[in-house]
Amino acid sequence: MEKAEIKSLYPEELKKRLVQFGEPPFRAGQVYEWLHQKLATDFSQMTNIPKTLKEQLEQHFTLCVLEPAEVKISRLDGTRKYLFRLADGNVIESVWMQYHHGNSVCISSQVGCRMGCRFCASTLDGLERNLTAAEMLEQVYRIQTLTGKRVSHIVIMGSGEPFDNYDQIVRFIRLISEEKGLNISLRNITVSTCGLVPEIRRFVGEGLPVTLALSLHASSDQVRKTLMPIANRYSLNEVLDACGEYFAATGRRLTFEYSLIKNENDSQAEAEALSRLLKGRHGHVNLIPVNPVKERNYVRSDRRSIEKFKNVLEKNGIPVTIRREMGQDIHGACGQLRRSFILS
């Protein structure tokens, strides 16, 4: 019988399993605390658990623990980029960033990605596999342990399309926000998507009022199709209507991610068109100077063009910020460190 990954179990699921072993229900609470609060890396560390139960846990469960294969620390801002090795030998990236409002961790949801966005390094080698909820939790748990600092914010914006791994993403969010675990506020969790319309609509019904960030990157279907293959499946109107349903259900303002690429989507005419598209859409625009990827020929917009673009949006009443760039000197963009590691 295949062992179950214990960290991926909800509290009630764990309780049911342990009761089947003949254990009293309170033991599940003790084990859960060791896993999700004390962040134990071995069953032997659970000092208030009887030896017989530890043996049962060893026999029936696996315990996911990630070890860094490589760590890079930015000299510019202290950002830390971790390359974690998985049990099957694959590697994934996670990033720890320090802000005035707390410590944020950006996690991956897949090994690679199949969405094919043409300015992103994560998708160059396609999708290897989905991550389990435990592997996503572990990115947060190990970084908190390694830094010795409480994680307060989580962004699911690393390698992978979260909604392409829907069930495990939902399980991860419920576990990371569980009051018996790290108890991260749902308001401090951001899920980024390139726009999988059926999954966005399904997510509306989950009752998880996180921040939804849409990778937009264009003001028209024509331009978006040149940058993002997913635009050939779902139109901008379909995607934005689904996002509107999410806002109506949760009251959570949307974030529209917009990577600025020189001579592709950074003109003032594009900014005017974007303003018209997003008027009344209950969100704000996050302008991102695109990260150079050597396998692509896209060039980031210059600072003057970025400021002009921002000014047009502001003039038209669209809330907008320019993303603060973190970890530039350590390949801070998702997918870059993993790819350089694989090719080395």
C-alpha atoms as a PDB file:
ATOM      1  CA  MET A   1       0.000   0.000   0.000  1.00  0.00           C
ATOM      2  CA  GLU A   2       1.357   3.412  -0.993  1.00  0.00           C
ATOM      3  CA  LYS A   3       2.173   5.696   1.898  1.00  0.00           C
ATOM      4  CA  ALA A   4       0.202   8.936   2.239  1.00  0.00           C
ATOM      5  CA  GLU A   5       1.960  12.300   2.630  1.00  0.00           C
ATOM      6  CA  ILE A   6       1.039  13.269   6.169  1.00  0.00           C
ATOM      7  CA  LYS A   7       1.508  17.028   5.770  1.00  0.00           C
ATOM      8  CA  SER A   8      -1.100  17.122   2.997  1.00  0.00           C
ATOM      9  CA  LEU A   9      -3.851  15.870   5.329  1.00  0.00           C
ATOM     10  CA  TYR A  10      -6.460  18.182   6.834  1.00  0.00           C
ATOM     11  CA  PRO A  11      -6.802  17.941  10.648  1.00  0.00           C
ATOM     12  CA  GLU A  12      -9.998  15.865  10.408  1.00  0.00           C
ATOM     13  CA  GLU A  13      -8.400  13.529   7.868  1.00  0.00           C
ATOM     14  CA  LEU A  14      -5.426  12.990  10.160  1.00  0.00           C
ATOM     15  CA  LYS A  15      -7.715  12.367  13.126  1.00  0.00           C
ATOM     16  CA  LYS A  16      -9.671   9.759  11.176  1.00  0.00           C
ATOM     17  CA  ARG A  17      -6.465   7.933  10.219  1.00  0.00           C
ATOM     18  CA  LEU A  18      -5.092   7.876  13.761  1.00  0.00           C
ATOM     19  CA  VAL A  19      -8.390   6.720  15.268  1.00  0.00           C
ATOM     20  CA  GLN A  20      -8.237   3.820  12.811  1.00  0.00           C
ATOM     21  CA  PHE A  21      -4.888   2.930  14.414  1.00  0.00           C
ATOM     22  CA  GLY A  22      -6.654   2.775  17.791  1.00  0.00           C
ATOM     23  CA  GLU A  23      -5.298   6.136  18.981  1.00  0.00           C
ATOM     24  CA  PRO A  24      -7.398   8.612  20.981  1.00  0.00           C
ATOM     25  CA  PRO A  25      -8.543  11.617  18.897  1.00  0.00           C
ATOM     26  CA  PHE A  26      -6.380  14.114  20.828  1.00  0.00           C
ATOM     27  CA  ARG A  27      -3.234  12.491  19.414  1.00  0.00           C
ATOM     28  CA  ALA A  28      -4.082  13.918  15.981  1.00  0.00           C
ATOM     29  CA  GLY A  29      -3.931  17.433  17.408  1.00  0.00           C
ATOM     30  CA  GLN A  30      -0.512  16.757  18.905  1.00  0.00           C
ATOM     31  CA  VAL A  31       0.870  15.335  15.662  1.00  0.00           C
ATOM     32  CA  TYR A  32      -0.643  18.169  13.612  1.00  0.00           C
ATOM     33  CA  GLU A  33       1.001  20.734  15.902  1.00  0.00           C
ATOM     34  CA  TRP A  34       4.392  19.086  15.452  1.00  0.00           C
ATOM     35  CA  LEU A  35       3.993  19.128  11.689  1.00  0.00           C
ATOM     36  CA  HIS A  36       2.501  22.570  11.099  1.00  0.00           C
ATOM     37  CA  GLN A  37       3.540  24.738  14.062  1.00  0.00           C
ATOM     38  CA  LYS A  38       6.767  23.250  15.388  1.00  0.00           C
ATOM     39  CA  LEU A  39       7.735  22.281  11.819  1.00  0.00           C
ATOM     40  CA  ALA A  40       9.213  18.906  12.756  1.00  0.00           C
ATOM     41  CA  THR A  41      11.407  17.240  10.143  1.00  0.00           C
ATOM     42  CA  ASP A  42      11.271  13.731  11.645  1.00  0.00           C
ATOM     43  CA  PHE A  43       8.689  11.728  13.583  1.00  0.00           C
ATOM     44  CA  SER A  44      11.329  11.056  16.240  1.00  0.00           C
ATOM     45  CA  GLN A  45      11.229  14.762  17.219  1.00  0.00           C
ATOM     46  CA  MET A  46       7.652  14.405  18.497  1.00  0.00           C
ATOM     47  CA  THR A  47       8.560  14.065  22.178  1.00  0.00           C
ATOM     48  CA  ASN A  48       5.017  13.804  23.590  1.00  0.00           C
ATOM     49  CA  ILE A  49       4.000  11.032  21.149  1.00  0.00           C
ATOM     50  CA  PRO A  50       4.256   7.380  22.265  1.00  0.00           C
ATOM     51  CA  LYS A  51       6.858   5.210  20.549  1.00  0.00           C
ATOM     52  CA  THR A  52       4.165   2.879  19.184  1.00  0.00           C
ATOM     53  CA  LEU A  53       2.454   5.772  17.400  1.00  0.00           C
ATOM     54  CA  LYS A  54       5.750   7.008  15.968  1.00  0.00           C
ATOM     55  CA  GLU A  55       6.252   3.535  14.526  1.00  0.00           C
ATOM     56  CA  GLN A  56       2.765   3.633  12.997  1.00  0.00           C
ATOM     57  CA  LEU A  57       3.489   7.028  11.471  1.00  0.00           C
ATOM     58  CA  GLU A  58       6.757   5.745   9.967  1.00  0.00           C
ATOM     59  CA  GLN A  59       4.960   2.721   8.566  1.00  0.00           C
ATOM     60  CA  HIS A  60       1.982   4.477   6.998  1.00  0.00           C
ATOM     61  CA  PHE A  61       3.127   7.993   6.079  1.00  0.00           C
ATOM     62  CA  THR A  62       5.852   9.877   4.272  1.00  0.00           C
ATOM     63  CA  LEU A  63       7.122  13.144   5.709  1.00  0.00           C
ATOM     64  CA  CYS A  64       8.046  15.717   3.073  1.00  0.00           C
ATOM     65  CA  VAL A  65      11.120  17.747   4.056  1.00  0.00           C
ATOM     66  CA  LEU A  66      12.880  19.970   1.529  1.00  0.00           C
ATOM     67  CA  GLU A  67      16.582  20.707   1.586  1.00  0.00           C
ATOM     68  CA  PRO A  68      18.116  23.609  -0.342  1.00  0.00           C
ATOM     69  CA  ALA A  69      20.324  22.602  -3.257  1.00  0.00           C
ATOM     70  CA  GLU A  70      21.384  26.229  -3.642  1.00  0.00           C
ATOM     71  CA  VAL A  71      20.753  29.525  -1.862  1.00  0.00           C
ATOM     72  CA  LYS A  72      21.450  32.979  -3.247  1.00  0.00           C
ATOM     73  CA  ILE A  73      21.280  36.112  -1.089  1.00  0.00           C
ATOM     74  CA  SER A  74      20.952  39.534  -2.665  1.00  0.00           C
ATOM     75  CA  ARG A  75      23.532  42.121  -1.658  1.00  0.00           C
ATOM     76  CA  LEU A  76      21.066  44.796  -2.733  1.00  0.00           C
ATOM     77  CA  ASP A  77      18.079  44.079  -0.485  1.00  0.00           C
ATOM     78  CA  GLY A  78      18.629  40.800   1.389  1.00  0.00           C
ATOM     79  CA  THR A  79      16.201  38.839  -0.792  1.00  0.00           C
ATOM     80  CA  ARG A  80      16.916  35.103  -0.613  1.00  0.00           C
ATOM     81  CA  LYS A  81      16.321  32.719  -3.470  1.00  0.00           C
ATOM     82  CA  TYR A  82      16.142  29.033  -2.617  1.00  0.00           C
ATOM     83  CA  LEU A  83      16.491  26.135  -5.005  1.00  0.00           C
ATOM     84  CA  PHE A  84      14.915  23.153  -3.245  1.00  0.00           C
ATOM     85  CA  ARG A  85      15.520  19.562  -4.280  1.00  0.00           C
ATOM     86  CA  LEU A  86      12.441  17.314  -4.265  1.00  0.00           C
ATOM     87  CA  ALA A  87      12.377  13.632  -3.332  1.00  0.00           C
ATOM     88  CA  ASP A  88      12.294  12.614  -7.020  1.00  0.00           C
ATOM     89  CA  GLY A  89      15.363  14.715  -7.872  1.00  0.00           C
ATOM     90  CA  ASN A  90      13.488  17.631  -9.452  1.00  0.00           C
ATOM     91  CA  VAL A  91      14.255  21.157  -8.251  1.00  0.00           C
ATOM     92  CA  ILE A  92      11.954  24.107  -7.593  1.00  0.00           C
ATOM     93  CA  GLU A  93      12.451  27.758  -6.692  1.00  0.00           C
ATOM     94  CA  SER A  94      11.151  29.802  -3.782  1.00  0.00           C
ATOM     95  CA  VAL A  95      11.942  33.386  -2.808  1.00  0.00           C
ATOM     96  CA  TRP A  96      11.988  35.100   0.597  1.00  0.00           C
ATOM     97  CA  MET A  97      11.529  38.881   0.564  1.00  0.00           C
ATOM     98  CA  GLN A  98      11.603  41.363   3.418  1.00  0.00           C
ATOM     99  CA  TYR A  99       9.168  44.269   3.338  1.00  0.00           C
ATOM    100  CA  HIS A 100       8.153  46.878   5.892  1.00  0.00           C
ATOM    101  CA  HIS A 101       4.807  45.079   6.296  1.00  0.00           C
ATOM    102  CA  GLY A 102       6.408  41.683   7.012  1.00  0.00           C
ATOM    103  CA  ASN A 103       8.232  38.758   5.441  1.00  0.00           C
ATOM    104  CA  SER A 104       6.855  37.390   2.193  1.00  0.00           C
ATOM    105  CA  VAL A 105       7.555  34.037   0.526  1.00  0.00           C
ATOM    106  CA  CYS A 106       6.910  33.417  -3.166  1.00  0.00           C
ATOM    107  CA  ILE A 107       6.344  29.727  -3.825  1.00  0.00           C
ATOM    108  CA  SER A 108       6.152  27.494  -6.876  1.00  0.00           C
ATOM    109  CA  SER A 109       3.065  25.391  -7.585  1.00  0.00           C
ATOM    110  CA  GLN A 110       4.494  23.153 -10.319  1.00  0.00           C
ATOM    111  CA  VAL A 111       7.832  21.824 -11.540  1.00  0.00           C
ATOM    112  CA  GLY A 112       8.047  23.888 -14.702  1.00  0.00           C
ATOM    113  CA  CYS A 113       4.957  25.184 -16.489  1.00  0.00           C
ATOM    114  CA  ARG A 114       3.009  24.407 -19.656  1.00  0.00           C
ATOM    115  CA  MET A 115       1.321  27.782 -20.151  1.00  0.00           C
ATOM    116  CA  GLY A 116       4.000  28.986 -22.572  1.00  0.00           C
ATOM    117  CA  CYS A 117       4.013  32.719 -21.725  1.00  0.00           C
ATOM    118  CA  ARG A 118       6.676  33.996 -24.091  1.00  0.00           C
ATOM    119  CA  PHE A 119       8.517  36.310 -21.688  1.00  0.00           C
ATOM    120  CA  CYS A 120       8.842  33.800 -18.819  1.00  0.00           C
ATOM    121  CA  ALA A 121      11.763  31.464 -18.048  1.00  0.00           C
ATOM    122  CA  SER A 122       9.596  29.018 -16.059  1.00  0.00           C
ATOM    123  CA  THR A 123       7.911  27.630 -19.137  1.00  0.00           C
ATOM    124  CA  LEU A 124      10.963  27.071 -21.349  1.00  0.00           C
ATOM    125  CA  ASP A 125      11.227  23.352 -20.565  1.00  0.00           C
ATOM    126  CA  GLY A 126       7.494  22.732 -20.234  1.00  0.00           C
ATOM    127  CA  LEU A 127       5.718  21.071 -17.323  1.00  0.00           C
ATOM    128  CA  GLU A 128       7.411  18.236 -15.448  1.00  0.00           C
ATOM    129  CA  ARG A 129       4.703  17.640 -12.814  1.00  0.00           C
ATOM    130  CA  ASN A 130       2.405  19.237 -10.260  1.00  0.00           C
ATOM    131  CA  LEU A 131       3.532  19.852  -6.689  1.00  0.00           C
ATOM    132  CA  THR A 132       1.645  18.343  -3.767  1.00  0.00           C
ATOM    133  CA  ALA A 133       0.177  20.505  -1.031  1.00  0.00           C
ATOM    134  CA  ALA A 134       2.942  19.196   1.260  1.00  0.00           C
ATOM    135  CA  GLU A 135       5.659  20.314  -1.186  1.00  0.00           C
ATOM    136  CA  MET A 136       4.120  23.774  -1.315  1.00  0.00           C
ATOM    137  CA  LEU A 137       3.816  23.960   2.474  1.00  0.00           C
ATOM    138  CA  GLU A 138       7.415  22.847   2.826  1.00  0.00           C
ATOM    139  CA  GLN A 139       8.689  25.786   0.802  1.00  0.00           C
ATOM    140  CA  VAL A 140       7.185  28.076   3.429  1.00  0.00           C
ATOM    141  CA  TYR A 141       8.125  25.908   6.422  1.00  0.00           C
ATOM    142  CA  ARG A 142      11.775  25.451   5.425  1.00  0.00           C
ATOM    143  CA  ILE A 143      12.265  29.115   4.633  1.00  0.00           C
ATOM    144  CA  GLN A 144      10.763  30.123   7.985  1.00  0.00           C
ATOM    145  CA  THR A 145      13.044  27.613   9.716  1.00  0.00           C
ATOM    146  CA  LEU A 146      16.156  28.613   7.751  1.00  0.00           C
ATOM    147  CA  THR A 147      15.655  32.354   8.230  1.00  0.00           C
ATOM    148  CA  GLY A 148      14.365  32.070  11.786  1.00  0.00           C
ATOM    149  CA  LYS A 149      11.739  34.686  10.910  1.00  0.00           C
ATOM    150  CA  ARG A 150       7.963  34.456  10.815  1.00  0.00           C
ATOM    151  CA  VAL A 151       6.407  34.389   7.350  1.00  0.00           C
ATOM    152  CA  SER A 152       3.392  36.699   7.196  1.00  0.00           C
ATOM    153  CA  HIS A 153       2.598  36.868   3.471  1.00  0.00           C
ATOM    154  CA  ILE A 154       2.556  34.255   0.711  1.00  0.00           C
ATOM    155  CA  VAL A 155       2.413  34.795  -3.034  1.00  0.00           C
ATOM    156  CA  ILE A 156       1.815  31.818  -5.307  1.00  0.00           C
ATOM    157  CA  MET A 157       3.645  33.399  -8.217  1.00  0.00           C
ATOM    158  CA  GLY A 158       6.688  31.189  -8.655  1.00  0.00           C
ATOM    159  CA  SER A 159       7.059  28.554 -11.354  1.00  0.00           C
ATOM    160  CA  GLY A 160       3.808  27.066 -12.562  1.00  0.00           C
ATOM    161  CA  GLU A 161       0.188  28.075 -13.098  1.00  0.00           C
ATOM    162  CA  PRO A 162      -1.591  27.560  -9.742  1.00  0.00           C
ATOM    163  CA  PHE A 163      -5.010  26.840 -11.252  1.00  0.00           C
ATOM    164  CA  ASP A 164      -3.434  24.173 -13.484  1.00  0.00           C
ATOM    165  CA  ASN A 165      -2.862  22.350 -10.172  1.00  0.00           C
ATOM    166  CA  TYR A 166      -6.248  23.286  -8.776  1.00  0.00           C
ATOM    167  CA  ASP A 167      -7.012  20.662  -6.110  1.00  0.00           C
ATOM    168  CA  GLN A 168      -3.575  20.827  -4.503  1.00  0.00           C
ATOM    169  CA  ILE A 169      -3.580  24.638  -4.523  1.00  0.00           C
ATOM    170  CA  VAL A 170      -6.908  24.745  -2.687  1.00  0.00           C
ATOM    171  CA  ARG A 171      -5.646  22.164  -0.192  1.00  0.00           C
ATOM    172  CA  PHE A 172      -2.462  24.190   0.335  1.00  0.00           C
ATOM    173  CA  ILE A 173      -4.379  27.416   0.974  1.00  0.00           C
ATOM    174  CA  ARG A 174      -6.685  25.730   3.486  1.00  0.00           C
ATOM    175  CA  LEU A 175      -3.727  24.135   5.306  1.00  0.00           C
ATOM    176  CA  ILE A 176      -1.486  27.227   5.402  1.00  0.00           C
ATOM    177  CA  SER A 177      -4.377  29.324   6.764  1.00  0.00           C
ATOM    178  CA  GLU A 178      -5.506  26.642   9.256  1.00  0.00           C
ATOM    179  CA  GLU A 179      -5.572  28.110  12.777  1.00  0.00           C
ATOM    180  CA  LYS A 180      -3.933  24.941  14.111  1.00  0.00           C
ATOM    181  CA  GLY A 181      -1.008  25.506  11.726  1.00  0.00           C
ATOM    182  CA  LEU A 182       0.849  28.660  10.672  1.00  0.00           C
ATOM    183  CA  ASN A 183      -2.526  30.435  10.505  1.00  0.00           C
ATOM    184  CA  ILE A 184      -1.562  32.783   7.657  1.00  0.00           C
ATOM    185  CA  SER A 185      -4.406  35.213   7.031  1.00  0.00           C
ATOM    186  CA  LEU A 186      -6.238  34.612   3.749  1.00  0.00           C
ATOM    187  CA  ARG A 187      -5.938  38.341   3.143  1.00  0.00           C
ATOM    188  CA  ASN A 188      -2.156  37.893   3.108  1.00  0.00           C
ATOM    189  CA  ILE A 189      -2.201  35.214   0.405  1.00  0.00           C
ATOM    190  CA  THR A 190      -2.044  36.057  -3.303  1.00  0.00           C
ATOM    191  CA  VAL A 191      -2.789  33.582  -6.085  1.00  0.00           C
ATOM    192  CA  SER A 192      -1.585  34.518  -9.552  1.00  0.00           C
ATOM    193  CA  THR A 193      -3.186  33.102 -12.695  1.00  0.00           C
ATOM    194  CA  CYS A 194      -2.720  33.632 -16.418  1.00  0.00           C
ATOM    195  CA  GLY A 195      -6.485  33.345 -16.768  1.00  0.00           C
ATOM    196  CA  LEU A 196      -7.955  29.825 -16.668  1.00  0.00           C
ATOM    197  CA  VAL A 197     -11.591  30.865 -16.788  1.00  0.00           C
ATOM    198  CA  PRO A 198     -13.307  27.627 -15.605  1.00  0.00           C
ATOM    199  CA  GLU A 199     -10.935  27.356 -12.641  1.00  0.00           C
ATOM    200  CA  ILE A 200     -11.408  31.015 -11.661  1.00  0.00           C
ATOM    201  CA  ARG A 201     -15.170  30.461 -11.659  1.00  0.00           C
ATOM    202  CA  ARG A 202     -14.760  27.260  -9.649  1.00  0.00           C
ATOM    203  CA  PHE A 203     -12.540  29.101  -7.163  1.00  0.00           C
ATOM    204  CA  VAL A 204     -15.322  31.631  -6.579  1.00  0.00           C
ATOM    205  CA  GLY A 205     -17.218  28.901  -4.723  1.00  0.00           C
ATOM    206  CA  GLU A 206     -14.359  27.845  -2.437  1.00  0.00           C
ATOM    207  CA  GLY A 207     -14.970  30.563   0.144  1.00  0.00           C
ATOM    208  CA  LEU A 208     -11.293  31.560   0.178  1.00  0.00           C
ATOM    209  CA  PRO A 209     -11.057  35.372  -0.021  1.00  0.00           C
ATOM    210  CA  VAL A 210      -7.405  35.595  -1.054  1.00  0.00           C
ATOM    211  CA  THR A 211      -6.040  38.232  -3.418  1.00  0.00           C
ATOM    212  CA  LEU A 212      -6.457  37.136  -7.024  1.00  0.00           C
ATOM    213  CA  ALA A 213      -3.775  38.439  -9.381  1.00  0.00           C
ATOM    214  CA  LEU A 214      -4.427  38.173 -13.110  1.00  0.00           C
ATOM    215  CA  SER A 215      -1.455  38.080 -15.468  1.00  0.00           C
ATOM    216  CA  LEU A 216      -2.867  40.527 -17.997  1.00  0.00           C
ATOM    217  CA  HIS A 217       0.094  41.997 -19.916  1.00  0.00           C
ATOM    218  CA  ALA A 218      -1.992  43.444 -22.763  1.00  0.00           C
ATOM    219  CA  SER A 219      -5.002  45.650 -23.402  1.00  0.00           C
ATOM    220  CA  SER A 220      -6.330  43.703 -26.377  1.00  0.00           C
ATOM    221  CA  ASP A 221      -6.781  40.071 -27.379  1.00  0.00           C
ATOM    222  CA  GLN A 222      -4.596  40.679 -30.418  1.00  0.00           C
ATOM    223  CA  VAL A 223      -1.543  41.734 -28.388  1.00  0.00           C
ATOM    224  CA  ARG A 224      -2.206  39.237 -25.606  1.00  0.00           C
ATOM    225  CA  LYS A 225      -2.185  36.347 -28.072  1.00  0.00           C
ATOM    226  CA  THR A 226       1.348  37.287 -29.157  1.00  0.00           C
ATOM    227  CA  LEU A 227       2.531  37.037 -25.528  1.00  0.00           C
ATOM    228  CA  MET A 228       0.370  34.370 -23.895  1.00  0.00           C
ATOM    229  CA  PRO A 229      -0.919  31.231 -25.656  1.00  0.00           C
ATOM    230  CA  ILE A 230      -3.782  30.971 -23.130  1.00  0.00           C
ATOM    231  CA  ALA A 231      -5.295  34.047 -24.823  1.00  0.00           C
ATOM    232  CA  ASN A 232      -6.142  31.836 -27.788  1.00  0.00           C
ATOM    233  CA  ARG A 233      -8.474  29.848 -25.532  1.00  0.00           C
ATOM    234  CA  TYR A 234     -10.074  32.579 -23.408  1.00  0.00           C
ATOM    235  CA  SER A 235     -10.751  36.151 -24.490  1.00  0.00           C
ATOM    236  CA  LEU A 236     -10.010  39.145 -22.283  1.00  0.00           C
ATOM    237  CA  ASN A 237     -13.718  39.743 -21.753  1.00  0.00           C
ATOM    238  CA  GLU A 238     -14.218  36.149 -20.581  1.00  0.00           C
ATOM    239  CA  VAL A 239     -11.272  36.365 -18.183  1.00  0.00           C
ATOM    240  CA  LEU A 240     -12.237  39.744 -16.780  1.00  0.00           C
ATOM    241  CA  ASP A 241     -15.867  38.700 -16.339  1.00  0.00           C
ATOM    242  CA  ALA A 242     -14.703  35.675 -14.318  1.00  0.00           C
ATOM    243  CA  CYS A 243     -12.526  37.974 -12.214  1.00  0.00           C
ATOM    244  CA  GLY A 244     -15.540  40.220 -11.717  1.00  0.00           C
ATOM    245  CA  GLU A 245     -17.472  37.244 -10.349  1.00  0.00           C
ATOM    246  CA  TYR A 246     -14.646  36.642  -7.886  1.00  0.00           C
ATOM    247  CA  PHE A 247     -14.788  40.261  -6.707  1.00  0.00           C
ATOM    248  CA  ALA A 248     -18.585  40.088  -6.337  1.00  0.00           C
ATOM    249  CA  ALA A 249     -18.316  36.950  -4.203  1.00  0.00           C
ATOM    250  CA  THR A 250     -15.377  37.983  -2.006  1.00  0.00           C
ATOM    251  CA  GLY A 251     -15.176  41.778  -2.069  1.00  0.00           C
ATOM    252  CA  ARG A 252     -11.431  41.364  -2.691  1.00  0.00           C
ATOM    253  CA  ARG A 253      -9.960  43.891  -5.106  1.00  0.00           C
ATOM    254  CA  LEU A 254      -8.204  42.326  -8.093  1.00  0.00           C
ATOM    255  CA  THR A 255      -4.562  42.841  -9.021  1.00  0.00           C
ATOM    256  CA  PHE A 256      -3.804  43.117 -12.727  1.00  0.00           C
ATOM    257  CA  GLU A 257      -0.184  42.185 -13.447  1.00  0.00           C
ATOM    258  CA  TYR A 258       1.242  43.968 -16.468  1.00  0.00           C
ATOM    259  CA  SER A 259       4.815  43.220 -17.602  1.00  0.00           C
ATOM    260  CA  LEU A 260       6.113  46.102 -19.681  1.00  0.00           C
ATOM    261  CA  ILE A 261       8.005  45.015 -22.804  1.00  0.00           C
ATOM    262  CA  LYS A 262       9.711  47.564 -25.008  1.00  0.00           C
ATOM    263  CA  ASN A 263       7.877  48.199 -28.294  1.00  0.00           C
ATOM    264  CA  GLU A 264       5.373  45.419 -27.537  1.00  0.00           C
ATOM    265  CA  ASN A 265       2.881  46.696 -24.975  1.00  0.00           C
ATOM    266  CA  ASP A 266       4.356  49.853 -23.434  1.00  0.00           C
ATOM    267  CA  SER A 267       3.050  52.680 -25.640  1.00  0.00           C
ATOM    268  CA  GLN A 268       0.819  55.468 -24.356  1.00  0.00           C
ATOM    269  CA  ALA A 269      -1.873  54.234 -26.755  1.00  0.00           C
ATOM    270  CA  GLU A 270      -1.713  50.859 -24.988  1.00  0.00           C
ATOM    271  CA  ALA A 271      -2.015  52.644 -21.633  1.00  0.00           C
ATOM    272  CA  GLU A 272      -5.117  54.475 -22.859  1.00  0.00           C
ATOM    273  CA  ALA A 273      -6.631  51.206 -24.116  1.00  0.00           C
ATOM    274  CA  LEU A 274      -5.804  49.505 -20.808  1.00  0.00           C
ATOM    275  CA  SER A 275      -7.523  52.315 -18.940  1.00  0.00           C
ATOM    276  CA  ARG A 276     -10.692  51.799 -20.954  1.00  0.00           C
ATOM    277  CA  LEU A 277     -10.533  48.028 -20.480  1.00  0.00           C
ATOM    278  CA  LEU A 278     -10.174  48.189 -16.691  1.00  0.00           C
ATOM    279  CA  LYS A 279     -12.501  51.084 -15.917  1.00  0.00           C
ATOM    280  CA  GLY A 280     -14.858  49.940 -13.151  1.00  0.00           C
ATOM    281  CA  ARG A 281     -13.164  46.530 -12.818  1.00  0.00           C
ATOM    282  CA  HIS A 282     -12.434  46.892  -9.071  1.00  0.00           C
ATOM    283  CA  GLY A 283      -8.717  46.357  -9.202  1.00  0.00           C
ATOM    284  CA  HIS A 284      -5.328  47.953  -9.436  1.00  0.00           C
ATOM    285  CA  VAL A 285      -2.547  47.563 -11.976  1.00  0.00           C
ATOM    286  CA  ASN A 286       0.887  46.328 -10.952  1.00  0.00           C
ATOM    287  CA  LEU A 287       3.394  47.423 -13.590  1.00  0.00           C
ATOM    288  CA  ILE A 288       6.357  45.061 -13.879  1.00  0.00           C
ATOM    289  CA  PRO A 289       9.518  45.910 -15.813  1.00  0.00           C
ATOM    290  CA  VAL A 290       9.977  42.575 -17.620  1.00  0.00           C
ATOM    291  CA  ASN A 291      12.966  40.495 -16.503  1.00  0.00           C
ATOM    292  CA  PRO A 292      15.404  39.751 -19.323  1.00  0.00           C
ATOM    293  CA  VAL A 293      15.535  36.044 -20.243  1.00  0.00           C
ATOM    294  CA  LYS A 294      18.475  35.132 -22.471  1.00  0.00           C
ATOM    295  CA  GLU A 295      16.409  32.611 -24.475  1.00  0.00           C
ATOM    296  CA  ARG A 296      13.927  35.364 -25.372  1.00  0.00           C
ATOM    297  CA  ASN A 297      14.489  38.571 -27.310  1.00  0.00           C
ATOM    298  CA  TYR A 298      12.167  40.742 -25.238  1.00  0.00           C
ATOM    299  CA  VAL A 299      13.641  43.925 -23.773  1.00  0.00           C
ATOM    300  CA  ARG A 300      12.334  45.735 -20.713  1.00  0.00           C
ATOM    301  CA  SER A 301      10.858  49.181 -21.139  1.00  0.00           C
ATOM    302  CA  ASP A 302      13.027  52.081 -20.039  1.00  0.00           C
ATOM    303  CA  ARG A 303      12.191  54.020 -16.901  1.00  0.00           C
ATOM    304  CA  ARG A 304      10.796  56.997 -18.808  1.00  0.00           C
ATOM    305  CA  SER A 305       8.334  54.818 -20.743  1.00  0.00           C
ATOM    306  CA  ILE A 306       7.253  53.083 -17.549  1.00  0.00           C
ATOM    307  CA  GLU A 307       6.565  56.399 -15.813  1.00  0.00           C
ATOM    308  CA  LYS A 308       4.633  57.694 -18.840  1.00  0.00           C
ATOM    309  CA  PHE A 309       2.539  54.518 -18.902  1.00  0.00           C
ATOM    310  CA  LYS A 310       1.815  54.890 -15.191  1.00  0.00           C
ATOM    311  CA  ASN A 311       0.872  58.545 -15.601  1.00  0.00           C
ATOM    312  CA  VAL A 312      -1.697  57.744 -18.294  1.00  0.00           C
ATOM    313  CA  LEU A 313      -3.373  55.164 -16.043  1.00  0.00           C
ATOM    314  CA  GLU A 314      -3.421  57.566 -13.097  1.00  0.00           C
ATOM    315  CA  LYS A 315      -4.858  60.343 -15.252  1.00  0.00           C
ATOM    316  CA  ASN A 316      -7.695  57.984 -16.197  1.00  0.00           C
ATOM    317  CA  GLY A 317      -8.427  57.057 -12.589  1.00  0.00           C
ATOM    318  CA  ILE A 318      -6.877  53.565 -12.637  1.00  0.00           C
ATOM    319  CA  PRO A 319      -5.026  52.699  -9.392  1.00  0.00           C
ATOM    320  CA  VAL A 320      -1.480  51.712 -10.354  1.00  0.00           C
ATOM    321  CA  THR A 321       1.874  50.899  -8.777  1.00  0.00           C
ATOM    322  CA  ILE A 322       5.272  49.984 -10.200  1.00  0.00           C
ATOM    323  CA  ARG A 323       6.487  46.760  -8.642  1.00  0.00           C
ATOM    324  CA  ARG A 324       9.500  47.169  -6.425  1.00  0.00           C
ATOM    325  CA  GLU A 325      12.163  44.946  -7.938  1.00  0.00           C
ATOM    326  CA  MET A 326      13.691  42.479  -5.503  1.00  0.00           C
ATOM    327  CA  GLY A 327      16.744  40.258  -5.864  1.00  0.00           C
ATOM    328  CA  GLN A 328      17.864  41.574  -9.245  1.00  0.00           C
ATOM    329  CA  ASP A 329      21.446  40.470  -8.624  1.00  0.00           C
ATOM    330  CA  ILE A 330      20.460  36.845  -7.841  1.00  0.00           C
ATOM    331  CA  HIS A 331      18.228  35.992 -10.828  1.00  0.00           C
ATOM    332  CA  GLY A 332      15.146  37.026  -8.858  1.00  0.00           C
ATOM    333  CA  ALA A 333      12.671  36.290 -11.645  1.00  0.00           C
ATOM    334  CA  CYS A 334      10.896  32.953 -11.449  1.00  0.00           C
ATOM    335  CA  GLY A 335      12.438  30.124 -13.424  1.00  0.00           C
ATOM    336  CA  GLN A 336      15.875  31.648 -13.986  1.00  0.00           C
ATOM    337  CA  LEU A 337      17.785  29.972 -11.155  1.00  0.00           C
ATOM    338  CA  ARG A 338      16.187  26.575 -11.750  1.00  0.00           C
ATOM    339  CA  ARG A 339      17.021  26.680 -15.445  1.00  0.00           C
ATOM    340  CA  SER A 340      20.635  27.704 -14.885  1.00  0.00           C
ATOM    341  CA  PHE A 341      20.972  24.872 -12.325  1.00  0.00           C
ATOM    342  CA  ILE A 342      19.509  22.272 -14.717  1.00  0.00           C
ATOM    343  CA  LEU A 343      21.747  23.363 -17.586  1.00  0.00           C
ATOM    344  CA  SER A 344      24.927  23.526 -15.505  1.00  0.00           C
END
